[in-house]
Amino acid sequence: MKSGFSSDGSPVSRLVEAFHKLPGIGPKVAQRLTYHLLRAPEEEARALAEAILDVKEKIRLCSRCFNITDIDPCTFCGDEGRDRTMVCVVEKPLDLLAVERVGKYKGLYHVLHGALAPNEGVGPEGLKVKELLARLQGSPVREVILATNTSLEGETTAMYLQRVLSPLGIRVTRLARGLPFGADLEYADDLTLSTAIEGRQPV
């Protein structure tokens, strides 16, 4: 590692390397986390290890919206109080949480698990597009809100979805342009995202 910490295959070194592989965790933070666990009570370390294993063993994708969940259908799809005439399409589960946090949207969701990126070999078959189309067939959905990010990949994905959804006769809208270009939904502040939801426009 470039942090000056020698990787010798010891348990400490392996844990530093494991933390360093996580997104946003640099070598110094990885070392701090490792030494925190070394000083922490054994119960705390075991609780962390068990929580990680629980996530890997118990979390799955909802069979309807493909959000991550420990029950199927997920709490959103299973909530009969939500508006079943609307589906908000997002790129990833964190975007769903961002929209939900605002409290302005009460419909259902669909998680694509990515965005179109031809240069990286990610086409429609690599996303949950086929599942979205199958879900909409014969459903009571009257509006699909495209809440993909305002990056180039997100815009490309929105245009593609608009094209394949048009023949279904369903209203397709896009979040308003209150969001700056290139911004991810998960980082948008509540007021900006709320305005974008309320001001959504047909595409």
C-alpha atoms as a PDB file:
ATOM      1  CA  MET A   1       0.000   0.000   0.000  1.00  0.00           C
ATOM      2  CA  LYS A   2       1.145   3.559  -0.628  1.00  0.00           C
ATOM      3  CA  SER A   3       0.455   4.633   2.943  1.00  0.00           C
ATOM      4  CA  GLY A   4       3.768   3.368   4.279  1.00  0.00           C
ATOM      5  CA  PHE A   5       2.042   0.427   5.949  1.00  0.00           C
ATOM      6  CA  SER A   6       3.792  -2.739   4.816  1.00  0.00           C
ATOM      7  CA  SER A   7       1.510  -5.515   3.619  1.00  0.00           C
ATOM      8  CA  ASP A   8       2.938  -8.642   5.241  1.00  0.00           C
ATOM      9  CA  GLY A   9      -0.103 -10.896   5.171  1.00  0.00           C
ATOM     10  CA  SER A  10      -0.768 -10.508   8.902  1.00  0.00           C
ATOM     11  CA  PRO A  11      -4.370 -10.193  10.174  1.00  0.00           C
ATOM     12  CA  VAL A  12      -3.868  -6.462  10.778  1.00  0.00           C
ATOM     13  CA  SER A  13      -2.467  -5.886   7.301  1.00  0.00           C
ATOM     14  CA  ARG A  14      -5.247  -7.913   5.683  1.00  0.00           C
ATOM     15  CA  LEU A  15      -7.927  -5.920   7.503  1.00  0.00           C
ATOM     16  CA  VAL A  16      -6.329  -2.621   6.426  1.00  0.00           C
ATOM     17  CA  GLU A  17      -6.341  -3.850   2.836  1.00  0.00           C
ATOM     18  CA  ALA A  18      -9.975  -4.999   3.134  1.00  0.00           C
ATOM     19  CA  PHE A  19     -11.101  -1.560   4.381  1.00  0.00           C
ATOM     20  CA  HIS A  20      -9.013   0.142   1.679  1.00  0.00           C
ATOM     21  CA  LYS A  21     -10.991  -1.695  -1.025  1.00  0.00           C
ATOM     22  CA  LEU A  22     -14.210  -0.010   0.103  1.00  0.00           C
ATOM     23  CA  PRO A  23     -15.277   3.069  -1.911  1.00  0.00           C
ATOM     24  CA  GLY A  24     -14.149   6.354  -0.382  1.00  0.00           C
ATOM     25  CA  ILE A  25     -11.784   4.684   2.084  1.00  0.00           C
ATOM     26  CA  GLY A  26      -8.179   5.787   1.614  1.00  0.00           C
ATOM     27  CA  PRO A  27      -5.184   4.007   3.164  1.00  0.00           C
ATOM     28  CA  LYS A  28      -4.990   6.278   6.222  1.00  0.00           C
ATOM     29  CA  VAL A  29      -8.706   5.928   7.013  1.00  0.00           C
ATOM     30  CA  ALA A  30      -8.362   2.166   6.506  1.00  0.00           C
ATOM     31  CA  GLN A  31      -5.582   2.117   9.094  1.00  0.00           C
ATOM     32  CA  ARG A  32      -7.619   4.205  11.561  1.00  0.00           C
ATOM     33  CA  LEU A  33     -10.616   1.873  11.226  1.00  0.00           C
ATOM     34  CA  THR A  34      -8.407  -1.158  11.741  1.00  0.00           C
ATOM     35  CA  TYR A  35      -6.765   0.213  14.875  1.00  0.00           C
ATOM     36  CA  HIS A  36     -10.135   1.355  16.195  1.00  0.00           C
ATOM     37  CA  LEU A  37     -11.358  -2.252  15.982  1.00  0.00           C
ATOM     38  CA  LEU A  38      -8.169  -3.467  17.651  1.00  0.00           C
ATOM     39  CA  ARG A  39      -8.883  -1.215  20.636  1.00  0.00           C
ATOM     40  CA  ALA A  40     -12.633  -1.854  20.664  1.00  0.00           C
ATOM     41  CA  PRO A  41     -14.268  -4.499  22.878  1.00  0.00           C
ATOM     42  CA  GLU A  42     -14.519  -7.915  21.268  1.00  0.00           C
ATOM     43  CA  GLU A  43     -18.330  -7.657  21.287  1.00  0.00           C
ATOM     44  CA  GLU A  44     -18.185  -4.569  19.027  1.00  0.00           C
ATOM     45  CA  ALA A  45     -15.915  -6.305  16.528  1.00  0.00           C
ATOM     46  CA  ARG A  46     -18.117  -9.398  16.505  1.00  0.00           C
ATOM     47  CA  ALA A  47     -21.249  -7.277  16.040  1.00  0.00           C
ATOM     48  CA  LEU A  48     -19.675  -5.600  12.984  1.00  0.00           C
ATOM     49  CA  ALA A  49     -18.639  -8.956  11.515  1.00  0.00           C
ATOM     50  CA  GLU A  50     -22.122 -10.396  12.091  1.00  0.00           C
ATOM     51  CA  ALA A  51     -23.802  -7.340  10.541  1.00  0.00           C
ATOM     52  CA  ILE A  52     -21.680  -7.742   7.401  1.00  0.00           C
ATOM     53  CA  LEU A  53     -22.507 -11.447   7.166  1.00  0.00           C
ATOM     54  CA  ASP A  54     -26.221 -10.747   7.735  1.00  0.00           C
ATOM     55  CA  VAL A  55     -26.233  -8.302   4.814  1.00  0.00           C
ATOM     56  CA  LYS A  56     -24.603 -10.835   2.512  1.00  0.00           C
ATOM     57  CA  GLU A  57     -26.807 -13.717   3.641  1.00  0.00           C
ATOM     58  CA  LYS A  58     -30.221 -12.080   4.114  1.00  0.00           C
ATOM     59  CA  ILE A  59     -30.411  -9.111   1.726  1.00  0.00           C
ATOM     60  CA  ARG A  60     -31.886  -9.784  -1.698  1.00  0.00           C
ATOM     61  CA  LEU A  61     -33.575  -7.868  -4.498  1.00  0.00           C
ATOM     62  CA  CYS A  62     -37.305  -7.265  -4.369  1.00  0.00           C
ATOM     63  CA  SER A  63     -38.953  -9.365  -7.074  1.00  0.00           C
ATOM     64  CA  ARG A  64     -41.107  -6.396  -8.117  1.00  0.00           C
ATOM     65  CA  CYS A  65     -39.032  -3.209  -7.935  1.00  0.00           C
ATOM     66  CA  PHE A  66     -35.514  -4.687  -7.458  1.00  0.00           C
ATOM     67  CA  ASN A  67     -34.736  -2.540  -4.463  1.00  0.00           C
ATOM     68  CA  ILE A  68     -32.538  -4.208  -1.853  1.00  0.00           C
ATOM     69  CA  THR A  69     -34.610  -5.781   0.915  1.00  0.00           C
ATOM     70  CA  ASP A  70     -34.749  -8.513   3.516  1.00  0.00           C
ATOM     71  CA  ILE A  71     -38.412  -9.285   2.737  1.00  0.00           C
ATOM     72  CA  ASP A  72     -40.118  -9.915  -0.600  1.00  0.00           C
ATOM     73  CA  PRO A  73     -41.957  -7.874  -1.684  1.00  0.00           C
ATOM     74  CA  CYS A  74     -40.118  -4.952  -0.108  1.00  0.00           C
ATOM     75  CA  THR A  75     -41.816  -2.514   2.270  1.00  0.00           C
ATOM     76  CA  PHE A  76     -42.544  -0.051  -0.561  1.00  0.00           C
ATOM     77  CA  CYS A  77     -44.140  -2.611  -2.888  1.00  0.00           C
ATOM     78  CA  GLY A  78     -46.011  -4.204  -0.001  1.00  0.00           C
ATOM     79  CA  ASP A  79     -47.485  -0.899   1.216  1.00  0.00           C
ATOM     80  CA  GLU A  80     -51.092  -0.843  -0.028  1.00  0.00           C
ATOM     81  CA  GLY A  81     -51.306   2.842   0.854  1.00  0.00           C
ATOM     82  CA  ARG A  82     -48.912   3.874  -1.917  1.00  0.00           C
ATOM     83  CA  ASP A  83     -50.162   5.198  -5.254  1.00  0.00           C
ATOM     84  CA  ARG A  84     -49.972   2.249  -7.655  1.00  0.00           C
ATOM     85  CA  THR A  85     -50.592   4.363 -10.737  1.00  0.00           C
ATOM     86  CA  MET A  86     -47.081   5.876 -10.560  1.00  0.00           C
ATOM     87  CA  VAL A  87     -43.620   4.306 -10.832  1.00  0.00           C
ATOM     88  CA  CYS A  88     -40.442   6.289 -10.217  1.00  0.00           C
ATOM     89  CA  VAL A  89     -37.438   4.795 -12.031  1.00  0.00           C
ATOM     90  CA  VAL A  90     -34.062   5.320 -10.356  1.00  0.00           C
ATOM     91  CA  GLU A  91     -30.555   4.088 -11.084  1.00  0.00           C
ATOM     92  CA  LYS A  92     -29.659   2.659  -7.673  1.00  0.00           C
ATOM     93  CA  PRO A  93     -31.137   1.981  -4.217  1.00  0.00           C
ATOM     94  CA  LEU A  94     -29.458   5.077  -2.742  1.00  0.00           C
ATOM     95  CA  ASP A  95     -31.378   7.230  -5.259  1.00  0.00           C
ATOM     96  CA  LEU A  96     -34.628   5.628  -4.104  1.00  0.00           C
ATOM     97  CA  LEU A  97     -33.800   6.579  -0.524  1.00  0.00           C
ATOM     98  CA  ALA A  98     -33.048  10.160  -1.618  1.00  0.00           C
ATOM     99  CA  VAL A  99     -36.451  10.513  -3.318  1.00  0.00           C
ATOM    100  CA  GLU A 100     -38.234   8.878  -0.383  1.00  0.00           C
ATOM    101  CA  ARG A 101     -36.462  11.114   2.135  1.00  0.00           C
ATOM    102  CA  VAL A 102     -38.058  14.228   0.601  1.00  0.00           C
ATOM    103  CA  GLY A 103     -41.542  12.910   1.382  1.00  0.00           C
ATOM    104  CA  LYS A 104     -43.188  14.371  -1.751  1.00  0.00           C
ATOM    105  CA  TYR A 105     -43.561  11.121  -3.673  1.00  0.00           C
ATOM    106  CA  LYS A 106     -45.985   8.388  -2.598  1.00  0.00           C
ATOM    107  CA  GLY A 107     -45.935   6.038  -5.576  1.00  0.00           C
ATOM    108  CA  LEU A 108     -43.948   2.904  -6.356  1.00  0.00           C
ATOM    109  CA  TYR A 109     -40.334   2.527  -7.503  1.00  0.00           C
ATOM    110  CA  HIS A 110     -38.224   0.595  -9.969  1.00  0.00           C
ATOM    111  CA  VAL A 111     -34.451   0.280  -9.532  1.00  0.00           C
ATOM    112  CA  LEU A 112     -32.409  -0.187 -12.724  1.00  0.00           C
ATOM    113  CA  HIS A 113     -29.137  -1.001 -10.949  1.00  0.00           C
ATOM    114  CA  GLY A 114     -27.074   1.194 -13.210  1.00  0.00           C
ATOM    115  CA  ALA A 115     -27.249   3.419 -16.270  1.00  0.00           C
ATOM    116  CA  LEU A 116     -26.497   2.930 -19.945  1.00  0.00           C
ATOM    117  CA  ALA A 117     -22.781   3.284 -20.594  1.00  0.00           C
ATOM    118  CA  PRO A 118     -21.935   1.898 -24.072  1.00  0.00           C
ATOM    119  CA  ASN A 119     -18.251   2.765 -23.708  1.00  0.00           C
ATOM    120  CA  GLU A 120     -18.115   0.513 -20.652  1.00  0.00           C
ATOM    121  CA  GLY A 121     -20.157  -2.239 -22.238  1.00  0.00           C
ATOM    122  CA  VAL A 122     -23.325  -1.551 -20.214  1.00  0.00           C
ATOM    123  CA  GLY A 123     -26.364  -1.898 -22.458  1.00  0.00           C
ATOM    124  CA  PRO A 124     -30.106  -2.281 -21.737  1.00  0.00           C
ATOM    125  CA  GLU A 125     -29.634  -6.000 -21.082  1.00  0.00           C
ATOM    126  CA  GLY A 126     -27.354  -5.119 -18.157  1.00  0.00           C
ATOM    127  CA  LEU A 127     -30.103  -3.105 -16.459  1.00  0.00           C
ATOM    128  CA  LYS A 128     -33.556  -4.010 -15.136  1.00  0.00           C
ATOM    129  CA  VAL A 129     -35.263  -2.589 -18.244  1.00  0.00           C
ATOM    130  CA  LYS A 130     -36.852  -5.816 -19.458  1.00  0.00           C
ATOM    131  CA  GLU A 131     -38.260  -6.320 -15.974  1.00  0.00           C
ATOM    132  CA  LEU A 132     -39.700  -2.779 -15.987  1.00  0.00           C
ATOM    133  CA  LEU A 133     -41.468  -3.346 -19.297  1.00  0.00           C
ATOM    134  CA  ALA A 134     -42.874  -6.676 -18.117  1.00  0.00           C
ATOM    135  CA  ARG A 135     -44.053  -5.061 -14.885  1.00  0.00           C
ATOM    136  CA  LEU A 136     -45.918  -2.310 -16.722  1.00  0.00           C
ATOM    137  CA  GLN A 137     -47.809  -4.661 -19.052  1.00  0.00           C
ATOM    138  CA  GLY A 138     -51.422  -4.824 -17.894  1.00  0.00           C
ATOM    139  CA  SER A 139     -50.679  -2.804 -14.756  1.00  0.00           C
ATOM    140  CA  PRO A 140     -52.671   0.196 -13.451  1.00  0.00           C
ATOM    141  CA  VAL A 141     -49.601   2.452 -13.905  1.00  0.00           C
ATOM    142  CA  ARG A 142     -50.460   5.696 -15.691  1.00  0.00           C
ATOM    143  CA  GLU A 143     -47.210   7.624 -15.166  1.00  0.00           C
ATOM    144  CA  VAL A 144     -43.542   6.642 -15.150  1.00  0.00           C
ATOM    145  CA  ILE A 145     -41.191   9.233 -13.636  1.00  0.00           C
ATOM    146  CA  LEU A 146     -37.643   8.990 -14.970  1.00  0.00           C
ATOM    147  CA  ALA A 147     -35.438   9.927 -12.026  1.00  0.00           C
ATOM    148  CA  THR A 148     -32.118   8.893 -13.503  1.00  0.00           C
ATOM    149  CA  ASN A 149     -29.158  11.097 -12.633  1.00  0.00           C
ATOM    150  CA  THR A 150     -28.332  14.191 -14.687  1.00  0.00           C
ATOM    151  CA  SER A 151     -25.029  12.741 -15.894  1.00  0.00           C
ATOM    152  CA  LEU A 152     -24.438  11.856 -19.549  1.00  0.00           C
ATOM    153  CA  GLU A 153     -25.187   8.206 -18.737  1.00  0.00           C
ATOM    154  CA  GLY A 154     -28.339   9.149 -16.845  1.00  0.00           C
ATOM    155  CA  GLU A 155     -29.612  11.337 -19.673  1.00  0.00           C
ATOM    156  CA  THR A 156     -28.863   8.594 -22.212  1.00  0.00           C
ATOM    157  CA  THR A 157     -30.768   6.109 -20.072  1.00  0.00           C
ATOM    158  CA  ALA A 158     -33.753   8.462 -19.739  1.00  0.00           C
ATOM    159  CA  MET A 159     -33.924   9.002 -23.499  1.00  0.00           C
ATOM    160  CA  TYR A 160     -33.755   5.259 -24.128  1.00  0.00           C
ATOM    161  CA  LEU A 161     -36.499   4.549 -21.585  1.00  0.00           C
ATOM    162  CA  GLN A 162     -38.714   7.255 -23.043  1.00  0.00           C
ATOM    163  CA  ARG A 163     -38.370   5.617 -26.446  1.00  0.00           C
ATOM    164  CA  VAL A 164     -39.225   2.090 -25.283  1.00  0.00           C
ATOM    165  CA  LEU A 165     -42.042   3.252 -22.980  1.00  0.00           C
ATOM    166  CA  SER A 166     -43.820   5.444 -25.539  1.00  0.00           C
ATOM    167  CA  PRO A 167     -45.622   2.562 -27.299  1.00  0.00           C
ATOM    168  CA  LEU A 168     -47.231   1.549 -23.995  1.00  0.00           C
ATOM    169  CA  GLY A 169     -49.347   4.711 -23.914  1.00  0.00           C
ATOM    170  CA  ILE A 170     -48.121   5.602 -20.420  1.00  0.00           C
ATOM    171  CA  ARG A 171     -47.297   9.187 -19.477  1.00  0.00           C
ATOM    172  CA  VAL A 172     -43.524   9.530 -19.132  1.00  0.00           C
ATOM    173  CA  THR A 173     -42.107  12.454 -17.146  1.00  0.00           C
ATOM    174  CA  ARG A 174     -38.620  13.580 -16.157  1.00  0.00           C
ATOM    175  CA  LEU A 175     -37.493  15.366 -13.003  1.00  0.00           C
ATOM    176  CA  ALA A 176     -37.359  19.140 -13.444  1.00  0.00           C
ATOM    177  CA  ARG A 177     -34.024  20.791 -14.147  1.00  0.00           C
ATOM    178  CA  GLY A 178     -33.528  22.055 -10.611  1.00  0.00           C
ATOM    179  CA  LEU A 179     -30.790  19.447 -10.402  1.00  0.00           C
ATOM    180  CA  PRO A 180     -27.375  20.562 -11.685  1.00  0.00           C
ATOM    181  CA  PHE A 181     -25.992  18.591 -14.614  1.00  0.00           C
ATOM    182  CA  GLY A 182     -23.817  15.719 -13.509  1.00  0.00           C
ATOM    183  CA  ALA A 183     -25.275  15.568  -9.985  1.00  0.00           C
ATOM    184  CA  ASP A 184     -26.300  12.299  -8.345  1.00  0.00           C
ATOM    185  CA  LEU A 185     -29.715  12.187  -6.673  1.00  0.00           C
ATOM    186  CA  GLU A 186     -28.276  10.746  -3.475  1.00  0.00           C
ATOM    187  CA  TYR A 187     -26.280  13.967  -2.927  1.00  0.00           C
ATOM    188  CA  ALA A 188     -29.060  16.429  -3.794  1.00  0.00           C
ATOM    189  CA  ASP A 189     -30.468  18.517  -0.963  1.00  0.00           C
ATOM    190  CA  ASP A 190     -34.098  17.958  -0.013  1.00  0.00           C
ATOM    191  CA  LEU A 191     -35.384  21.313  -1.318  1.00  0.00           C
ATOM    192  CA  THR A 192     -33.777  20.892  -4.744  1.00  0.00           C
ATOM    193  CA  LEU A 193     -35.021  17.326  -5.076  1.00  0.00           C
ATOM    194  CA  SER A 194     -38.487  18.255  -3.848  1.00  0.00           C
ATOM    195  CA  THR A 195     -38.703  21.008  -6.477  1.00  0.00           C
ATOM    196  CA  ALA A 196     -37.491  18.595  -9.154  1.00  0.00           C
ATOM    197  CA  ILE A 197     -40.171  16.053  -8.238  1.00  0.00           C
ATOM    198  CA  GLU A 198     -43.012  18.583  -8.119  1.00  0.00           C
ATOM    199  CA  GLY A 199     -41.896  20.278 -11.346  1.00  0.00           C
ATOM    200  CA  ARG A 200     -41.409  17.100 -13.370  1.00  0.00           C
ATOM    201  CA  GLN A 201     -42.121  17.517 -17.064  1.00  0.00           C
ATOM    202  CA  PRO A 202     -43.314  15.274 -19.904  1.00  0.00           C
ATOM    203  CA  VAL A 203     -40.570  13.878 -22.137  1.00  0.00           C
END
